[in-house]
């Protein structure tokens, strides 16, 4: 008796379709339905989703690749942990300086928010909600910080919790600040991430936070991941490094985003 074929989740399937589009320049509905063990209707919905994002153009019986610059694939949290570490630490120091006693904040999962958590060791009277297992671990020795975990399902590759239970954990709270990590940021596509459920979780975080602060190094700029979290105009503040281009900075400021820069040699900021 043969084992039942495993059917990839929606996000995983769409990521694989993008890979195939990049390899071959075009895909066929029937071929994809057979490959993934789903219906042709499901594949057409996938292609319509990718077309809406500007990643594919529908054609008879399939789709063609659209040229999307810097469309990213996901890497593990272990891989990202050491990338641009000094800059992430500088961003974290600036972010931590914005957290006052009595604050209630959300720290999103991620490597930059992990560095923020490490900076809270000596803070007092702070409440932190997080969906990041690594972030919670970083706060174990922060005696003045009350730590709340969203719970939910653990996504091991990002050490993040997600799902309906995680989203429901936020319903009865109002937070002063959300520190949001990103996989991609562009003026056209907004703030994006690789996983559909994480994007939905991030949107819920935005809804219950008075201030949305995006924390990311400049390597994430003009990159696009599969799932949009929010538009640029929803951001209150961006903390990043001096690798930010003048064009992107102007576009952010035009949409009402406060831009704070950390110097790559010494701490500092401009806006």
C-alpha atoms as a PDB file:
ATOM      1  CA  UNK A   1       0.000   0.000   0.000  1.00  0.00           C
ATOM      2  CA  UNK A   2       1.528   3.330  -1.047  1.00  0.00           C
ATOM      3  CA  UNK A   3       1.765   6.269   1.329  1.00  0.00           C
ATOM      4  CA  UNK A   4      -0.616   9.161   0.742  1.00  0.00           C
ATOM      5  CA  UNK A   5       1.009  12.065  -1.065  1.00  0.00           C
ATOM      6  CA  UNK A   6       1.575  15.094   1.142  1.00  0.00           C
ATOM      7  CA  UNK A   7      -0.155  18.221  -0.146  1.00  0.00           C
ATOM      8  CA  UNK A   8       1.812  21.444   0.446  1.00  0.00           C
ATOM      9  CA  UNK A   9       0.149  24.294   2.329  1.00  0.00           C
ATOM     10  CA  UNK A  10      -1.018  27.262   0.273  1.00  0.00           C
ATOM     11  CA  UNK A  11       1.993  29.495   1.016  1.00  0.00           C
ATOM     12  CA  UNK A  12       4.465  26.696   0.353  1.00  0.00           C
ATOM     13  CA  UNK A  13       2.737  25.764  -2.918  1.00  0.00           C
ATOM     14  CA  UNK A  14       2.758  29.355  -4.163  1.00  0.00           C
ATOM     15  CA  UNK A  15       6.436  29.751  -3.276  1.00  0.00           C
ATOM     16  CA  UNK A  16       7.167  26.607  -5.324  1.00  0.00           C
ATOM     17  CA  UNK A  17       5.131  27.908  -8.247  1.00  0.00           C
ATOM     18  CA  UNK A  18       7.278  31.056  -8.222  1.00  0.00           C
ATOM     19  CA  UNK A  19      10.399  28.872  -8.311  1.00  0.00           C
ATOM     20  CA  UNK A  20       9.007  27.003 -11.327  1.00  0.00           C
ATOM     21  CA  UNK A  21       8.115  30.264 -13.056  1.00  0.00           C
ATOM     22  CA  UNK A  22      11.646  31.496 -12.565  1.00  0.00           C
ATOM     23  CA  UNK A  23      13.101  28.264 -13.882  1.00  0.00           C
ATOM     24  CA  UNK A  24      10.890  27.825 -16.931  1.00  0.00           C
ATOM     25  CA  UNK A  25       9.343  31.244 -17.582  1.00  0.00           C
ATOM     26  CA  UNK A  26       5.854  29.707 -17.737  1.00  0.00           C
ATOM     27  CA  UNK A  27       3.655  27.122 -16.001  1.00  0.00           C
ATOM     28  CA  UNK A  28       0.581  25.118 -16.974  1.00  0.00           C
ATOM     29  CA  UNK A  29      -2.472  24.658 -14.762  1.00  0.00           C
ATOM     30  CA  UNK A  30      -2.860  20.918 -15.413  1.00  0.00           C
ATOM     31  CA  UNK A  31       0.813  20.214 -14.807  1.00  0.00           C
ATOM     32  CA  UNK A  32       0.752  22.103 -11.495  1.00  0.00           C
ATOM     33  CA  UNK A  33      -2.467  20.413 -10.369  1.00  0.00           C
ATOM     34  CA  UNK A  34      -0.870  17.009 -10.951  1.00  0.00           C
ATOM     35  CA  UNK A  35       2.403  18.037  -9.310  1.00  0.00           C
ATOM     36  CA  UNK A  36       0.803  19.343  -6.117  1.00  0.00           C
ATOM     37  CA  UNK A  37      -2.150  16.959  -5.925  1.00  0.00           C
ATOM     38  CA  UNK A  38      -4.784  19.710  -5.935  1.00  0.00           C
ATOM     39  CA  UNK A  39      -7.580  20.746  -8.264  1.00  0.00           C
ATOM     40  CA  UNK A  40      -7.198  22.942 -11.330  1.00  0.00           C
ATOM     41  CA  UNK A  41      -9.458  25.479  -9.600  1.00  0.00           C
ATOM     42  CA  UNK A  42      -6.990  25.703  -6.721  1.00  0.00           C
ATOM     43  CA  UNK A  43      -4.097  26.290  -9.119  1.00  0.00           C
ATOM     44  CA  UNK A  44      -6.049  28.972 -10.992  1.00  0.00           C
ATOM     45  CA  UNK A  45      -6.652  30.705  -7.663  1.00  0.00           C
ATOM     46  CA  UNK A  46      -2.908  30.517  -6.958  1.00  0.00           C
ATOM     47  CA  UNK A  47      -2.068  32.050 -10.327  1.00  0.00           C
ATOM     48  CA  UNK A  48      -4.706  34.767  -9.867  1.00  0.00           C
ATOM     49  CA  UNK A  49      -3.118  35.588  -6.490  1.00  0.00           C
ATOM     50  CA  UNK A  50       0.352  35.831  -8.040  1.00  0.00           C
ATOM     51  CA  UNK A  51      -1.015  37.963 -10.876  1.00  0.00           C
ATOM     52  CA  UNK A  52      -2.597  40.359  -8.375  1.00  0.00           C
ATOM     53  CA  UNK A  53       0.814  40.789  -6.751  1.00  0.00           C
ATOM     54  CA  UNK A  54       2.404  41.474 -10.122  1.00  0.00           C
ATOM     55  CA  UNK A  55       4.459  38.271 -10.078  1.00  0.00           C
ATOM     56  CA  UNK A  56       2.754  36.454 -12.956  1.00  0.00           C
ATOM     57  CA  UNK A  57       0.613  37.137 -16.022  1.00  0.00           C
ATOM     58  CA  UNK A  58      -2.273  34.797 -16.718  1.00  0.00           C
ATOM     59  CA  UNK A  59      -2.195  33.074 -20.081  1.00  0.00           C
ATOM     60  CA  UNK A  60      -4.359  30.421 -21.726  1.00  0.00           C
ATOM     61  CA  UNK A  61      -4.004  27.249 -19.650  1.00  0.00           C
ATOM     62  CA  UNK A  62      -1.383  28.713 -17.311  1.00  0.00           C
ATOM     63  CA  UNK A  63       0.729  31.775 -16.545  1.00  0.00           C
ATOM     64  CA  UNK A  64       3.902  33.585 -17.570  1.00  0.00           C
ATOM     65  CA  UNK A  65       6.580  35.022 -15.321  1.00  0.00           C
ATOM     66  CA  UNK A  66       6.550  38.737 -14.590  1.00  0.00           C
ATOM     67  CA  UNK A  67       9.915  40.321 -13.890  1.00  0.00           C
ATOM     68  CA  UNK A  68       9.731  41.188 -10.188  1.00  0.00           C
ATOM     69  CA  UNK A  69      13.086  42.553  -9.015  1.00  0.00           C
ATOM     70  CA  UNK A  70      14.399  41.228  -5.703  1.00  0.00           C
ATOM     71  CA  UNK A  71      11.605  38.732  -5.075  1.00  0.00           C
ATOM     72  CA  UNK A  72      12.979  36.877  -2.071  1.00  0.00           C
ATOM     73  CA  UNK A  73      12.845  33.309  -0.824  1.00  0.00           C
ATOM     74  CA  UNK A  74      12.799  32.511   2.861  1.00  0.00           C
ATOM     75  CA  UNK A  75      15.905  31.658   4.901  1.00  0.00           C
ATOM     76  CA  UNK A  76      16.036  30.069   8.325  1.00  0.00           C
ATOM     77  CA  UNK A  77      16.340  32.185  11.449  1.00  0.00           C
ATOM     78  CA  UNK A  78      19.755  30.598  12.099  1.00  0.00           C
ATOM     79  CA  UNK A  79      20.982  31.932   8.758  1.00  0.00           C
ATOM     80  CA  UNK A  80      19.626  35.422   9.422  1.00  0.00           C
ATOM     81  CA  UNK A  81      20.872  35.608  13.009  1.00  0.00           C
ATOM     82  CA  UNK A  82      24.426  36.704  12.155  1.00  0.00           C
ATOM     83  CA  UNK A  83      23.672  38.784   9.047  1.00  0.00           C
ATOM     84  CA  UNK A  84      24.305  42.519   9.564  1.00  0.00           C
ATOM     85  CA  UNK A  85      24.533  41.849  13.285  1.00  0.00           C
ATOM     86  CA  UNK A  86      26.235  45.118  14.247  1.00  0.00           C
ATOM     87  CA  UNK A  87      23.567  47.141  12.430  1.00  0.00           C
ATOM     88  CA  UNK A  88      20.777  45.134  14.066  1.00  0.00           C
ATOM     89  CA  UNK A  89      22.317  45.804  17.465  1.00  0.00           C
ATOM     90  CA  UNK A  90      22.482  49.538  16.720  1.00  0.00           C
ATOM     91  CA  UNK A  91      18.841  49.499  15.603  1.00  0.00           C
ATOM     92  CA  UNK A  92      17.951  47.607  18.778  1.00  0.00           C
ATOM     93  CA  UNK A  93      19.635  50.189  21.007  1.00  0.00           C
ATOM     94  CA  UNK A  94      17.688  53.001  19.381  1.00  0.00           C
ATOM     95  CA  UNK A  95      14.431  51.043  19.607  1.00  0.00           C
ATOM     96  CA  UNK A  96      15.017  50.234  23.286  1.00  0.00           C
ATOM     97  CA  UNK A  97      15.598  53.936  24.042  1.00  0.00           C
ATOM     98  CA  UNK A  98      11.996  54.560  22.918  1.00  0.00           C
ATOM     99  CA  UNK A  99      10.553  52.142  25.489  1.00  0.00           C
ATOM    100  CA  UNK A 100       9.671  53.986  28.694  1.00  0.00           C
ATOM    101  CA  UNK A 101       8.692  52.557  32.108  1.00  0.00           C
ATOM    102  CA  UNK A 102       5.017  51.672  32.154  1.00  0.00           C
ATOM    103  CA  UNK A 103       4.990  50.806  28.440  1.00  0.00           C
ATOM    104  CA  UNK A 104       3.116  47.858  26.981  1.00  0.00           C
ATOM    105  CA  UNK A 105       4.681  46.754  23.697  1.00  0.00           C
ATOM    106  CA  UNK A 106       4.678  43.959  21.139  1.00  0.00           C
ATOM    107  CA  UNK A 107       7.938  42.495  19.882  1.00  0.00           C
ATOM    108  CA  UNK A 108       7.382  40.578  16.667  1.00  0.00           C
ATOM    109  CA  UNK A 109       9.386  37.411  16.084  1.00  0.00           C
ATOM    110  CA  UNK A 110      12.659  37.878  14.224  1.00  0.00           C
ATOM    111  CA  UNK A 111      16.362  38.522  14.608  1.00  0.00           C
ATOM    112  CA  UNK A 112      16.225  42.321  14.959  1.00  0.00           C
ATOM    113  CA  UNK A 113      13.456  42.148  17.563  1.00  0.00           C
ATOM    114  CA  UNK A 114      15.530  39.505  19.365  1.00  0.00           C
ATOM    115  CA  UNK A 115      18.288  42.117  19.662  1.00  0.00           C
ATOM    116  CA  UNK A 116      15.747  44.597  21.056  1.00  0.00           C
ATOM    117  CA  UNK A 117      14.747  42.049  23.690  1.00  0.00           C
ATOM    118  CA  UNK A 118      18.377  41.721  24.761  1.00  0.00           C
ATOM    119  CA  UNK A 119      18.463  45.491  25.311  1.00  0.00           C
ATOM    120  CA  UNK A 120      15.576  45.345  27.810  1.00  0.00           C
ATOM    121  CA  UNK A 121      17.526  43.483  30.504  1.00  0.00           C
ATOM    122  CA  UNK A 122      17.707  46.502  32.833  1.00  0.00           C
ATOM    123  CA  UNK A 123      14.329  48.039  31.982  1.00  0.00           C
ATOM    124  CA  UNK A 124      11.670  48.266  34.687  1.00  0.00           C
ATOM    125  CA  UNK A 125       7.869  48.107  34.587  1.00  0.00           C
ATOM    126  CA  UNK A 126       7.611  46.975  30.963  1.00  0.00           C
ATOM    127  CA  UNK A 127       5.066  44.540  29.511  1.00  0.00           C
ATOM    128  CA  UNK A 128       6.102  42.673  26.367  1.00  0.00           C
ATOM    129  CA  UNK A 129       3.820  40.506  24.270  1.00  0.00           C
ATOM    130  CA  UNK A 130       5.611  38.382  21.685  1.00  0.00           C
ATOM    131  CA  UNK A 131       4.981  35.594  19.207  1.00  0.00           C
ATOM    132  CA  UNK A 132       8.705  34.824  19.017  1.00  0.00           C
ATOM    133  CA  UNK A 133      10.151  31.928  20.958  1.00  0.00           C
ATOM    134  CA  UNK A 134      13.636  33.387  20.565  1.00  0.00           C
ATOM    135  CA  UNK A 135      12.407  36.782  21.803  1.00  0.00           C
ATOM    136  CA  UNK A 136      10.826  35.237  24.896  1.00  0.00           C
ATOM    137  CA  UNK A 137      14.035  33.347  25.658  1.00  0.00           C
ATOM    138  CA  UNK A 138      16.009  36.603  25.420  1.00  0.00           C
ATOM    139  CA  UNK A 139      13.783  38.100  28.124  1.00  0.00           C
ATOM    140  CA  UNK A 140      14.268  35.319  30.680  1.00  0.00           C
ATOM    141  CA  UNK A 141      16.734  37.400  32.733  1.00  0.00           C
ATOM    142  CA  UNK A 142      14.847  40.700  32.356  1.00  0.00           C
ATOM    143  CA  UNK A 143      13.352  40.820  35.848  1.00  0.00           C
ATOM    144  CA  UNK A 144      11.565  44.146  35.263  1.00  0.00           C
ATOM    145  CA  UNK A 145       9.766  42.892  32.151  1.00  0.00           C
ATOM    146  CA  UNK A 146       6.471  41.015  32.269  1.00  0.00           C
ATOM    147  CA  UNK A 147       6.464  38.602  29.340  1.00  0.00           C
ATOM    148  CA  UNK A 148       3.284  37.493  27.598  1.00  0.00           C
ATOM    149  CA  UNK A 149       3.331  34.816  24.890  1.00  0.00           C
ATOM    150  CA  UNK A 150       0.666  34.683  22.206  1.00  0.00           C
ATOM    151  CA  UNK A 151       0.751  30.897  22.094  1.00  0.00           C
ATOM    152  CA  UNK A 152      -0.524  29.168  18.978  1.00  0.00           C
ATOM    153  CA  UNK A 153       1.254  26.872  16.537  1.00  0.00           C
ATOM    154  CA  UNK A 154       5.044  27.000  16.383  1.00  0.00           C
ATOM    155  CA  UNK A 155       6.672  27.563  13.006  1.00  0.00           C
ATOM    156  CA  UNK A 156      10.129  26.175  13.626  1.00  0.00           C
ATOM    157  CA  UNK A 157      11.963  27.811  10.722  1.00  0.00           C
ATOM    158  CA  UNK A 158      11.173  31.275  12.113  1.00  0.00           C
ATOM    159  CA  UNK A 159      10.673  30.301  15.797  1.00  0.00           C
ATOM    160  CA  UNK A 160       7.345  32.131  15.670  1.00  0.00           C
ATOM    161  CA  UNK A 161       3.862  31.283  16.879  1.00  0.00           C
ATOM    162  CA  UNK A 162       0.848  31.834  14.645  1.00  0.00           C
ATOM    163  CA  UNK A 163      -2.750  30.783  14.071  1.00  0.00           C
ATOM    164  CA  UNK A 164      -6.200  31.650  15.387  1.00  0.00           C
ATOM    165  CA  UNK A 165      -5.248  31.080  19.041  1.00  0.00           C
ATOM    166  CA  UNK A 166      -2.292  33.416  18.707  1.00  0.00           C
ATOM    167  CA  UNK A 167      -4.469  36.069  17.086  1.00  0.00           C
ATOM    168  CA  UNK A 168      -7.157  35.683  19.761  1.00  0.00           C
ATOM    169  CA  UNK A 169      -4.539  36.231  22.479  1.00  0.00           C
ATOM    170  CA  UNK A 170      -4.249  39.844  21.276  1.00  0.00           C
ATOM    171  CA  UNK A 171      -7.964  40.650  21.301  1.00  0.00           C
ATOM    172  CA  UNK A 172      -8.266  41.974  24.860  1.00  0.00           C
ATOM    173  CA  UNK A 173      -5.141  44.139  24.805  1.00  0.00           C
ATOM    174  CA  UNK A 174      -4.103  47.575  23.611  1.00  0.00           C
ATOM    175  CA  UNK A 175      -0.380  48.233  23.192  1.00  0.00           C
ATOM    176  CA  UNK A 176       1.609  51.440  23.017  1.00  0.00           C
ATOM    177  CA  UNK A 177       4.089  50.267  20.411  1.00  0.00           C
ATOM    178  CA  UNK A 178       4.624  47.406  18.000  1.00  0.00           C
ATOM    179  CA  UNK A 179       8.181  46.708  16.873  1.00  0.00           C
ATOM    180  CA  UNK A 180       7.690  44.894  13.588  1.00  0.00           C
ATOM    181  CA  UNK A 181      10.375  42.986  11.702  1.00  0.00           C
ATOM    182  CA  UNK A 182      10.052  42.530   7.936  1.00  0.00           C
ATOM    183  CA  UNK A 183      11.237  40.265   5.131  1.00  0.00           C
ATOM    184  CA  UNK A 184      10.651  42.884   2.463  1.00  0.00           C
ATOM    185  CA  UNK A 185       9.832  46.598   2.203  1.00  0.00           C
ATOM    186  CA  UNK A 186       8.994  48.470  -0.979  1.00  0.00           C
ATOM    187  CA  UNK A 187       6.972  51.578  -1.771  1.00  0.00           C
ATOM    188  CA  UNK A 188       4.786  49.654  -4.231  1.00  0.00           C
ATOM    189  CA  UNK A 189       4.192  46.409  -2.337  1.00  0.00           C
ATOM    190  CA  UNK A 190       4.446  47.689   1.244  1.00  0.00           C
ATOM    191  CA  UNK A 191       5.639  45.507   4.119  1.00  0.00           C
ATOM    192  CA  UNK A 192       5.768  41.839   3.148  1.00  0.00           C
ATOM    193  CA  UNK A 193       6.664  38.470   4.613  1.00  0.00           C
ATOM    194  CA  UNK A 194       6.970  34.892   3.394  1.00  0.00           C
ATOM    195  CA  UNK A 195       4.254  33.104   5.356  1.00  0.00           C
ATOM    196  CA  UNK A 196       0.519  33.773   4.961  1.00  0.00           C
ATOM    197  CA  UNK A 197      -0.416  33.014   8.573  1.00  0.00           C
ATOM    198  CA  UNK A 198       2.439  35.146   9.908  1.00  0.00           C
ATOM    199  CA  UNK A 199       1.257  38.022   7.722  1.00  0.00           C
ATOM    200  CA  UNK A 200      -2.228  37.690   9.187  1.00  0.00           C
ATOM    201  CA  UNK A 201      -0.758  37.583  12.697  1.00  0.00           C
ATOM    202  CA  UNK A 202       1.290  40.715  12.002  1.00  0.00           C
ATOM    203  CA  UNK A 203      -1.791  42.540  10.712  1.00  0.00           C
ATOM    204  CA  UNK A 204      -3.586  41.712  13.954  1.00  0.00           C
ATOM    205  CA  UNK A 205      -0.633  43.116  15.912  1.00  0.00           C
ATOM    206  CA  UNK A 206      -0.930  46.338  13.926  1.00  0.00           C
ATOM    207  CA  UNK A 207      -4.624  46.606  14.736  1.00  0.00           C
ATOM    208  CA  UNK A 208      -4.052  46.513  18.517  1.00  0.00           C
ATOM    209  CA  UNK A 209      -1.044  48.855  18.622  1.00  0.00           C
ATOM    210  CA  UNK A 210      -1.142  52.641  18.819  1.00  0.00           C
ATOM    211  CA  UNK A 211       2.229  53.038  17.092  1.00  0.00           C
ATOM    212  CA  UNK A 212       3.768  50.788  14.422  1.00  0.00           C
ATOM    213  CA  UNK A 213       7.568  50.890  14.371  1.00  0.00           C
ATOM    214  CA  UNK A 214       9.310  48.908  11.641  1.00  0.00           C
ATOM    215  CA  UNK A 215      12.832  47.768  12.536  1.00  0.00           C
ATOM    216  CA  UNK A 216      15.031  46.479   9.726  1.00  0.00           C
ATOM    217  CA  UNK A 217      18.446  46.845   8.177  1.00  0.00           C
ATOM    218  CA  UNK A 218      18.616  48.279   4.665  1.00  0.00           C
ATOM    219  CA  UNK A 219      19.189  44.883   3.010  1.00  0.00           C
ATOM    220  CA  UNK A 220      15.402  44.333   3.134  1.00  0.00           C
ATOM    221  CA  UNK A 221      14.567  47.441   1.085  1.00  0.00           C
ATOM    222  CA  UNK A 222      13.051  47.073  -2.392  1.00  0.00           C
ATOM    223  CA  UNK A 223      12.549  43.380  -1.738  1.00  0.00           C
ATOM    224  CA  UNK A 224       9.191  41.674  -2.070  1.00  0.00           C
ATOM    225  CA  UNK A 225       7.970  38.564  -0.277  1.00  0.00           C
ATOM    226  CA  UNK A 226       4.817  36.653  -1.084  1.00  0.00           C
ATOM    227  CA  UNK A 227       2.378  38.071   1.493  1.00  0.00           C
ATOM    228  CA  UNK A 228       1.629  41.704   2.258  1.00  0.00           C
ATOM    229  CA  UNK A 229       1.287  42.758   5.889  1.00  0.00           C
ATOM    230  CA  UNK A 230       0.423  46.460   5.577  1.00  0.00           C
ATOM    231  CA  UNK A 231       0.891  49.390   3.221  1.00  0.00           C
ATOM    232  CA  UNK A 232       3.750  51.833   3.800  1.00  0.00           C
ATOM    233  CA  UNK A 233       1.308  54.563   4.857  1.00  0.00           C
ATOM    234  CA  UNK A 234       0.331  52.534   7.942  1.00  0.00           C
ATOM    235  CA  UNK A 235       3.853  52.779   9.404  1.00  0.00           C
ATOM    236  CA  UNK A 236       4.507  55.464  12.006  1.00  0.00           C
ATOM    237  CA  UNK A 237       8.280  55.082  12.317  1.00  0.00           C
ATOM    238  CA  UNK A 238      11.061  53.230  10.513  1.00  0.00           C
ATOM    239  CA  UNK A 239      14.372  52.550  12.271  1.00  0.00           C
ATOM    240  CA  UNK A 240      17.101  51.493   9.873  1.00  0.00           C
ATOM    241  CA  UNK A 241      20.692  52.196   8.795  1.00  0.00           C
ATOM    242  CA  UNK A 242      22.313  54.685   6.447  1.00  0.00           C
ATOM    243  CA  UNK A 243      22.053  52.255   3.523  1.00  0.00           C
ATOM    244  CA  UNK A 244      18.589  53.695   2.906  1.00  0.00           C
ATOM    245  CA  UNK A 245      18.519  55.335  -0.534  1.00  0.00           C
ATOM    246  CA  UNK A 246      17.474  58.970  -0.942  1.00  0.00           C
ATOM    247  CA  UNK A 247      14.671  57.917  -3.292  1.00  0.00           C
ATOM    248  CA  UNK A 248      13.177  55.410  -0.878  1.00  0.00           C
ATOM    249  CA  UNK A 249      13.575  57.771   2.044  1.00  0.00           C
ATOM    250  CA  UNK A 250      11.758  60.536   0.177  1.00  0.00           C
ATOM    251  CA  UNK A 251       8.957  58.127  -0.706  1.00  0.00           C
ATOM    252  CA  UNK A 252       8.602  57.067   2.922  1.00  0.00           C
ATOM    253  CA  UNK A 253       8.545  60.642   4.217  1.00  0.00           C
ATOM    254  CA  UNK A 254       5.947  61.594   1.592  1.00  0.00           C
ATOM    255  CA  UNK A 255       3.679  58.900   3.029  1.00  0.00           C
ATOM    256  CA  UNK A 256       4.067  60.247   6.565  1.00  0.00           C
ATOM    257  CA  UNK A 257       6.675  57.823   7.873  1.00  0.00           C
ATOM    258  CA  UNK A 258       9.182  59.121  10.426  1.00  0.00           C
ATOM    259  CA  UNK A 259      12.614  57.816   9.407  1.00  0.00           C
ATOM    260  CA  UNK A 260      15.285  57.283  12.060  1.00  0.00           C
ATOM    261  CA  UNK A 261      18.768  56.250  10.973  1.00  0.00           C
ATOM    262  CA  UNK A 262      21.466  54.580  13.028  1.00  0.00           C
ATOM    263  CA  UNK A 263      24.996  55.303  11.913  1.00  0.00           C
ATOM    264  CA  UNK A 264      26.998  52.229  10.924  1.00  0.00           C
ATOM    265  CA  UNK A 265      30.056  53.541  12.776  1.00  0.00           C
ATOM    266  CA  UNK A 266      28.482  55.200  15.797  1.00  0.00           C
ATOM    267  CA  UNK A 267      25.029  55.461  17.238  1.00  0.00           C
ATOM    268  CA  UNK A 268      22.995  58.397  16.055  1.00  0.00           C
ATOM    269  CA  UNK A 269      19.881  59.302  14.153  1.00  0.00           C
ATOM    270  CA  UNK A 270      18.339  61.755  11.757  1.00  0.00           C
ATOM    271  CA  UNK A 271      14.779  62.287  10.643  1.00  0.00           C
END
